[in-house]
Amino acid sequence: MFIYFYVDRIQSAFVSPAADPLFLIFIIVASVIVALTTIKKLSVIPILGMTFCLYLMVEIPARSWLVFFGWMALGLVIYFSYGYKKSHLNR
């Protein structure tokens, strides 16, 4: 179903991989996952959920990833500094 709606984009990704490398990686990873799911006879629903989440992650712009990692770093600094000061094991 996914391939049917994105035939043009998939073809352009294989013709010029430098234009959209993350989408090409997504197509390859999704194809391998589908093949392994079929071979091992695994449940399709969790695999589809993981594949759709991977697709959404691929479509996020690079600037959004930078903002995300910035906020993640700030949150981790606050989390670990608070835990270091208030730890009962530290005493």
C-alpha atoms as a PDB file:
ATOM      1  CA  MET A   1       0.000   0.000   0.000  1.00  0.00           C
ATOM      2  CA  PHE A   2       2.764   2.426   0.968  1.00  0.00           C
ATOM      3  CA  ILE A   3       4.696   1.633  -2.195  1.00  0.00           C
ATOM      4  CA  TYR A   4       1.637   2.323  -4.356  1.00  0.00           C
ATOM      5  CA  PHE A   5       1.279   5.905  -3.089  1.00  0.00           C
ATOM      6  CA  TYR A   6       5.007   6.749  -3.173  1.00  0.00           C
ATOM      7  CA  VAL A   7       6.168   5.122  -6.420  1.00  0.00           C
ATOM      8  CA  ASP A   8       7.571   8.371  -7.839  1.00  0.00           C
ATOM      9  CA  ARG A   9       9.437   9.238  -4.654  1.00  0.00           C
ATOM     10  CA  ILE A  10      10.872   5.726  -4.336  1.00  0.00           C
ATOM     11  CA  GLN A  11      12.077   5.791  -7.939  1.00  0.00           C
ATOM     12  CA  SER A  12      13.704   9.196  -7.491  1.00  0.00           C
ATOM     13  CA  ALA A  13      15.372   7.995  -4.256  1.00  0.00           C
ATOM     14  CA  PHE A  14      16.993   5.091  -6.091  1.00  0.00           C
ATOM     15  CA  VAL A  15      17.974   7.219  -9.123  1.00  0.00           C
ATOM     16  CA  SER A  16      19.621   9.968  -7.067  1.00  0.00           C
ATOM     17  CA  PRO A  17      20.266   8.741  -3.506  1.00  0.00           C
ATOM     18  CA  ALA A  18      21.957  11.999  -2.481  1.00  0.00           C
ATOM     19  CA  ALA A  19      18.667  13.901  -2.871  1.00  0.00           C
ATOM     20  CA  ASP A  20      16.828  12.025  -0.107  1.00  0.00           C
ATOM     21  CA  PRO A  21      19.158   9.566   1.665  1.00  0.00           C
ATOM     22  CA  LEU A  22      17.006   9.074   4.780  1.00  0.00           C
ATOM     23  CA  PHE A  23      14.002   8.043   2.722  1.00  0.00           C
ATOM     24  CA  LEU A  24      16.150   5.547   0.824  1.00  0.00           C
ATOM     25  CA  ILE A  25      17.438   4.106   4.104  1.00  0.00           C
ATOM     26  CA  PHE A  26      13.851   3.909   5.353  1.00  0.00           C
ATOM     27  CA  ILE A  27      12.747   1.979   2.255  1.00  0.00           C
ATOM     28  CA  ILE A  28      15.622  -0.496   2.620  1.00  0.00           C
ATOM     29  CA  VAL A  29      15.071  -1.002   6.373  1.00  0.00           C
ATOM     30  CA  ALA A  30      11.301  -1.363   5.919  1.00  0.00           C
ATOM     31  CA  SER A  31      11.826  -3.931   3.159  1.00  0.00           C
ATOM     32  CA  VAL A  32      14.162  -5.983   5.352  1.00  0.00           C
ATOM     33  CA  ILE A  33      11.725  -5.794   8.281  1.00  0.00           C
ATOM     34  CA  VAL A  34       8.809  -6.921   6.117  1.00  0.00           C
ATOM     35  CA  ALA A  35      10.877  -9.797   4.707  1.00  0.00           C
ATOM     36  CA  LEU A  36      11.951 -10.957   8.174  1.00  0.00           C
ATOM     37  CA  THR A  37       8.394 -10.658   9.458  1.00  0.00           C
ATOM     38  CA  THR A  38       7.136 -12.822   6.625  1.00  0.00           C
ATOM     39  CA  ILE A  39       9.894 -15.423   7.014  1.00  0.00           C
ATOM     40  CA  LYS A  40       9.587 -15.729  10.801  1.00  0.00           C
ATOM     41  CA  LYS A  41       5.766 -15.452  10.732  1.00  0.00           C
ATOM     42  CA  LEU A  42       5.641 -12.631  13.271  1.00  0.00           C
ATOM     43  CA  SER A  43       2.660 -10.445  14.075  1.00  0.00           C
ATOM     44  CA  VAL A  44       2.211  -7.668  11.533  1.00  0.00           C
ATOM     45  CA  ILE A  45       0.686  -4.958  13.767  1.00  0.00           C
ATOM     46  CA  PRO A  46       3.751  -4.217  15.965  1.00  0.00           C
ATOM     47  CA  ILE A  47       5.978  -4.294  12.913  1.00  0.00           C
ATOM     48  CA  LEU A  48       3.718  -1.825  11.081  1.00  0.00           C
ATOM     49  CA  GLY A  49       3.676   0.437  14.141  1.00  0.00           C
ATOM     50  CA  MET A  50       7.451   0.427  14.300  1.00  0.00           C
ATOM     51  CA  THR A  51       7.718   1.063  10.561  1.00  0.00           C
ATOM     52  CA  PHE A  52       5.298   4.008  10.662  1.00  0.00           C
ATOM     53  CA  CYS A  53       7.164   5.536  13.626  1.00  0.00           C
ATOM     54  CA  LEU A  54      10.410   5.147  11.688  1.00  0.00           C
ATOM     55  CA  TYR A  55       8.819   6.897   8.706  1.00  0.00           C
ATOM     56  CA  LEU A  56       7.646   9.795  10.892  1.00  0.00           C
ATOM     57  CA  MET A  57      11.142  10.112  12.352  1.00  0.00           C
ATOM     58  CA  VAL A  58      12.658  10.207   8.865  1.00  0.00           C
ATOM     59  CA  GLU A  59      10.323  13.017   7.777  1.00  0.00           C
ATOM     60  CA  ILE A  60      11.201  15.322  10.700  1.00  0.00           C
ATOM     61  CA  PRO A  61      13.468  18.180   9.547  1.00  0.00           C
ATOM     62  CA  ALA A  62      17.050  18.326  10.838  1.00  0.00           C
ATOM     63  CA  ARG A  63      16.365  21.572  12.732  1.00  0.00           C
ATOM     64  CA  SER A  64      13.661  19.850  14.772  1.00  0.00           C
ATOM     65  CA  TRP A  65      16.104  17.079  15.686  1.00  0.00           C
ATOM     66  CA  LEU A  66      18.621  19.668  16.863  1.00  0.00           C
ATOM     67  CA  VAL A  67      16.017  21.392  19.030  1.00  0.00           C
ATOM     68  CA  PHE A  68      14.916  18.010  20.399  1.00  0.00           C
ATOM     69  CA  PHE A  69      18.474  17.011  21.347  1.00  0.00           C
ATOM     70  CA  GLY A  70      19.078  20.436  22.886  1.00  0.00           C
ATOM     71  CA  TRP A  71      16.027  20.123  25.132  1.00  0.00           C
ATOM     72  CA  MET A  72      16.954  16.505  25.886  1.00  0.00           C
ATOM     73  CA  ALA A  73      20.457  17.574  26.988  1.00  0.00           C
ATOM     74  CA  LEU A  74      19.050  20.332  29.183  1.00  0.00           C
ATOM     75  CA  GLY A  75      16.553  17.933  30.751  1.00  0.00           C
ATOM     76  CA  LEU A  76      19.227  15.338  31.440  1.00  0.00           C
ATOM     77  CA  VAL A  77      21.484  17.934  33.072  1.00  0.00           C
ATOM     78  CA  ILE A  78      18.638  19.044  35.348  1.00  0.00           C
ATOM     79  CA  TYR A  79      17.620  15.440  36.090  1.00  0.00           C
ATOM     80  CA  PHE A  80      21.093  14.218  37.019  1.00  0.00           C
ATOM     81  CA  SER A  81      22.111  17.353  38.938  1.00  0.00           C
ATOM     82  CA  TYR A  82      18.946  17.179  41.038  1.00  0.00           C
ATOM     83  CA  GLY A  83      19.443  13.448  41.590  1.00  0.00           C
ATOM     84  CA  TYR A  84      23.080  13.960  42.580  1.00  0.00           C
ATOM     85  CA  LYS A  85      22.162  16.590  45.208  1.00  0.00           C
ATOM     86  CA  LYS A  86      19.088  14.832  46.617  1.00  0.00           C
ATOM     87  CA  SER A  87      20.320  11.223  46.515  1.00  0.00           C
ATOM     88  CA  HIS A  88      19.903   9.192  49.704  1.00  0.00           C
ATOM     89  CA  LEU A  89      22.715   6.899  48.578  1.00  0.00           C
ATOM     90  CA  ASN A  90      25.126   9.837  48.395  1.00  0.00           C
ATOM     91  CA  ARG A  91      24.985  10.415  52.173  1.00  0.00           C
END
